[in-house]
Amino acid sequence: MGISLLIHLQVQTFLNIPQWSDLLLLSYLLNFILALAIFFSLYALRIRLKNQIGFLYMGGSMLKFLIFFLVFYPGYQVDGIITKSEFAAFFVPYLLCLILETVYTAKMLNTLK
């Protein structure tokens, strides 16, 4: 996540977008913390709720969307437009965490068989 944040900041600089704009640091932090919490929750429940892990994973994704609409969306909608940089500020860390969650959850599920 740290490497992705550094690359994101460099792209912002290249595109003349102010660094740390669009709640960038908050987006990376919240996505990372939520991804860790979701994964560790799934890991802790992997034996007891083995057959429900997929539903719990989807619930975690819904939680992340809820956080987006509560924390980020109001600030992004102040001017009535969600810019490309605002979209990227949320979506890049969200997508990266989603990929990591999916890969590690799949590996965890494969070891449960």
C-alpha atoms as a PDB file:
ATOM      1  CA  MET A   1       0.000   0.000   0.000  1.00  0.00           C
ATOM      2  CA  GLY A   2       2.873   2.332   0.784  1.00  0.00           C
ATOM      3  CA  ILE A   3       4.404   1.820  -2.654  1.00  0.00           C
ATOM      4  CA  SER A   4       1.029   2.427  -4.277  1.00  0.00           C
ATOM      5  CA  LEU A   5       0.619   5.650  -2.288  1.00  0.00           C
ATOM      6  CA  LEU A   6       4.054   6.873  -3.399  1.00  0.00           C
ATOM      7  CA  ILE A   7       3.251   6.092  -7.035  1.00  0.00           C
ATOM      8  CA  HIS A   8      -0.122   7.810  -6.665  1.00  0.00           C
ATOM      9  CA  LEU A   9       1.590  10.935  -5.294  1.00  0.00           C
ATOM     10  CA  GLN A  10       4.066  10.928  -8.181  1.00  0.00           C
ATOM     11  CA  VAL A  11       1.244  10.657 -10.718  1.00  0.00           C
ATOM     12  CA  GLN A  12      -0.519  13.574  -9.015  1.00  0.00           C
ATOM     13  CA  THR A  13       2.654  15.636  -9.243  1.00  0.00           C
ATOM     14  CA  PHE A  14       3.086  14.729 -12.915  1.00  0.00           C
ATOM     15  CA  LEU A  15      -0.525  15.744 -13.646  1.00  0.00           C
ATOM     16  CA  ASN A  16      -0.208  18.992 -11.638  1.00  0.00           C
ATOM     17  CA  ILE A  17      -2.734  17.838  -9.048  1.00  0.00           C
ATOM     18  CA  PRO A  18      -1.922  19.021  -5.527  1.00  0.00           C
ATOM     19  CA  GLN A  19      -0.428  16.212  -3.450  1.00  0.00           C
ATOM     20  CA  TRP A  20      -2.555  14.969  -0.563  1.00  0.00           C
ATOM     21  CA  SER A  21      -5.688  16.409  -2.154  1.00  0.00           C
ATOM     22  CA  ASP A  22      -9.026  14.606  -2.357  1.00  0.00           C
ATOM     23  CA  LEU A  23      -8.653  12.922   1.063  1.00  0.00           C
ATOM     24  CA  LEU A  24      -5.903  10.737  -0.391  1.00  0.00           C
ATOM     25  CA  LEU A  25      -4.163   9.759   2.843  1.00  0.00           C
ATOM     26  CA  LEU A  26      -7.472   9.072   4.606  1.00  0.00           C
ATOM     27  CA  SER A  27      -8.552   6.896   1.702  1.00  0.00           C
ATOM     28  CA  TYR A  28      -5.383   4.796   1.809  1.00  0.00           C
ATOM     29  CA  LEU A  29      -5.491   4.484   5.581  1.00  0.00           C
ATOM     30  CA  LEU A  30      -9.170   3.562   5.815  1.00  0.00           C
ATOM     31  CA  ASN A  31      -8.998   1.070   2.955  1.00  0.00           C
ATOM     32  CA  PHE A  32      -5.898  -0.562   4.434  1.00  0.00           C
ATOM     33  CA  ILE A  33      -7.331  -0.723   7.967  1.00  0.00           C
ATOM     34  CA  LEU A  34     -10.677  -2.071   6.732  1.00  0.00           C
ATOM     35  CA  ALA A  35      -8.958  -4.653   4.515  1.00  0.00           C
ATOM     36  CA  LEU A  36      -6.875  -5.859   7.467  1.00  0.00           C
ATOM     37  CA  ALA A  37      -9.910  -5.956   9.746  1.00  0.00           C
ATOM     38  CA  ILE A  38     -11.965  -7.881   7.201  1.00  0.00           C
ATOM     39  CA  PHE A  39      -9.201 -10.365   6.475  1.00  0.00           C
ATOM     40  CA  PHE A  40      -8.362 -10.991  10.141  1.00  0.00           C
ATOM     41  CA  SER A  41     -12.067 -11.356  10.941  1.00  0.00           C
ATOM     42  CA  LEU A  42     -12.423 -13.927   8.177  1.00  0.00           C
ATOM     43  CA  TYR A  43      -9.288 -15.683   9.381  1.00  0.00           C
ATOM     44  CA  ALA A  44     -10.574 -15.808  12.948  1.00  0.00           C
ATOM     45  CA  LEU A  45     -13.924 -17.226  11.792  1.00  0.00           C
ATOM     46  CA  ARG A  46     -12.535 -19.580   9.128  1.00  0.00           C
ATOM     47  CA  ILE A  47     -13.102 -22.790  11.110  1.00  0.00           C
ATOM     48  CA  ARG A  48     -16.303 -21.985  12.947  1.00  0.00           C
ATOM     49  CA  LEU A  49     -18.101 -20.381   9.964  1.00  0.00           C
ATOM     50  CA  LYS A  50     -16.340 -22.208   7.146  1.00  0.00           C
ATOM     51  CA  ASN A  51     -19.444 -22.346   4.929  1.00  0.00           C
ATOM     52  CA  GLN A  52     -20.280 -18.651   5.381  1.00  0.00           C
ATOM     53  CA  ILE A  53     -16.861 -17.112   4.636  1.00  0.00           C
ATOM     54  CA  GLY A  54     -17.969 -15.963   1.176  1.00  0.00           C
ATOM     55  CA  PHE A  55     -20.982 -14.152   2.599  1.00  0.00           C
ATOM     56  CA  LEU A  56     -18.861 -12.573   5.313  1.00  0.00           C
ATOM     57  CA  TYR A  57     -16.360 -11.453   2.666  1.00  0.00           C
ATOM     58  CA  MET A  58     -19.168  -9.825   0.675  1.00  0.00           C
ATOM     59  CA  GLY A  59     -20.445  -8.187   3.858  1.00  0.00           C
ATOM     60  CA  GLY A  60     -16.992  -6.707   4.375  1.00  0.00           C
ATOM     61  CA  SER A  61     -17.088  -5.266   0.869  1.00  0.00           C
ATOM     62  CA  MET A  62     -20.478  -3.748   1.598  1.00  0.00           C
ATOM     63  CA  LEU A  63     -19.032  -2.227   4.771  1.00  0.00           C
ATOM     64  CA  LYS A  64     -16.290  -0.584   2.717  1.00  0.00           C
ATOM     65  CA  PHE A  65     -18.888   0.927   0.369  1.00  0.00           C
ATOM     66  CA  LEU A  66     -20.873   2.188   3.353  1.00  0.00           C
ATOM     67  CA  ILE A  67     -17.733   3.868   4.691  1.00  0.00           C
ATOM     68  CA  PHE A  68     -17.226   5.481   1.273  1.00  0.00           C
ATOM     69  CA  PHE A  69     -20.731   6.929   1.256  1.00  0.00           C
ATOM     70  CA  LEU A  70     -20.453   8.148   4.843  1.00  0.00           C
ATOM     71  CA  VAL A  71     -16.897   9.528   4.823  1.00  0.00           C
ATOM     72  CA  PHE A  72     -15.834  10.361   1.267  1.00  0.00           C
ATOM     73  CA  TYR A  73     -18.928  10.921  -0.865  1.00  0.00           C
ATOM     74  CA  PRO A  74     -20.203  14.037   0.954  1.00  0.00           C
ATOM     75  CA  GLY A  75     -16.835  15.773   0.568  1.00  0.00           C
ATOM     76  CA  TYR A  76     -16.517  14.756  -3.053  1.00  0.00           C
ATOM     77  CA  GLN A  77     -20.049  15.955  -3.853  1.00  0.00           C
ATOM     78  CA  VAL A  78     -19.662  19.437  -2.325  1.00  0.00           C
ATOM     79  CA  ASP A  79     -19.202  21.000  -5.759  1.00  0.00           C
ATOM     80  CA  GLY A  80     -21.691  18.626  -7.399  1.00  0.00           C
ATOM     81  CA  ILE A  81     -19.002  16.855  -9.440  1.00  0.00           C
ATOM     82  CA  ILE A  82     -16.772  13.904  -8.642  1.00  0.00           C
ATOM     83  CA  THR A  83     -13.545  14.622 -10.500  1.00  0.00           C
ATOM     84  CA  LYS A  84     -11.217  11.994 -11.926  1.00  0.00           C
ATOM     85  CA  SER A  85      -8.676  12.731  -9.194  1.00  0.00           C
ATOM     86  CA  GLU A  86     -11.333  12.296  -6.485  1.00  0.00           C
ATOM     87  CA  PHE A  87     -12.439   9.038  -8.076  1.00  0.00           C
ATOM     88  CA  ALA A  88      -8.843   7.815  -8.284  1.00  0.00           C
ATOM     89  CA  ALA A  89      -8.127   8.880  -4.695  1.00  0.00           C
ATOM     90  CA  PHE A  90     -10.760   6.451  -3.473  1.00  0.00           C
ATOM     91  CA  PHE A  91     -10.812   3.790  -6.168  1.00  0.00           C
ATOM     92  CA  VAL A  92      -7.080   3.035  -6.476  1.00  0.00           C
ATOM     93  CA  PRO A  93      -6.589   2.042  -2.810  1.00  0.00           C
ATOM     94  CA  TYR A  94     -10.025   0.370  -2.759  1.00  0.00           C
ATOM     95  CA  LEU A  95      -9.174  -1.771  -5.788  1.00  0.00           C
ATOM     96  CA  LEU A  96      -5.704  -2.629  -4.507  1.00  0.00           C
ATOM     97  CA  CYS A  97      -7.090  -3.715  -1.135  1.00  0.00           C
ATOM     98  CA  LEU A  98      -9.902  -5.641  -2.830  1.00  0.00           C
ATOM     99  CA  ILE A  99      -7.389  -7.571  -4.922  1.00  0.00           C
ATOM    100  CA  LEU A 100      -5.236  -8.332  -1.875  1.00  0.00           C
ATOM    101  CA  GLU A 101      -8.275  -9.373   0.177  1.00  0.00           C
ATOM    102  CA  THR A 102      -9.508 -11.628  -2.617  1.00  0.00           C
ATOM    103  CA  VAL A 103      -6.148 -13.326  -3.169  1.00  0.00           C
ATOM    104  CA  TYR A 104      -5.493 -13.983   0.508  1.00  0.00           C
ATOM    105  CA  THR A 105      -9.072 -15.027   1.242  1.00  0.00           C
ATOM    106  CA  ALA A 106      -8.941 -17.488  -1.667  1.00  0.00           C
ATOM    107  CA  LYS A 107      -5.652 -18.909  -0.357  1.00  0.00           C
ATOM    108  CA  MET A 108      -7.158 -19.226   3.099  1.00  0.00           C
ATOM    109  CA  LEU A 109     -10.238 -21.007   1.737  1.00  0.00           C
ATOM    110  CA  ASN A 110      -8.093 -23.397  -0.298  1.00  0.00           C
ATOM    111  CA  THR A 111      -6.312 -24.542   2.860  1.00  0.00           C
ATOM    112  CA  LEU A 112      -9.631 -25.308   4.590  1.00  0.00           C
ATOM    113  CA  LYS A 113     -10.665 -28.132   2.288  1.00  0.00           C
END
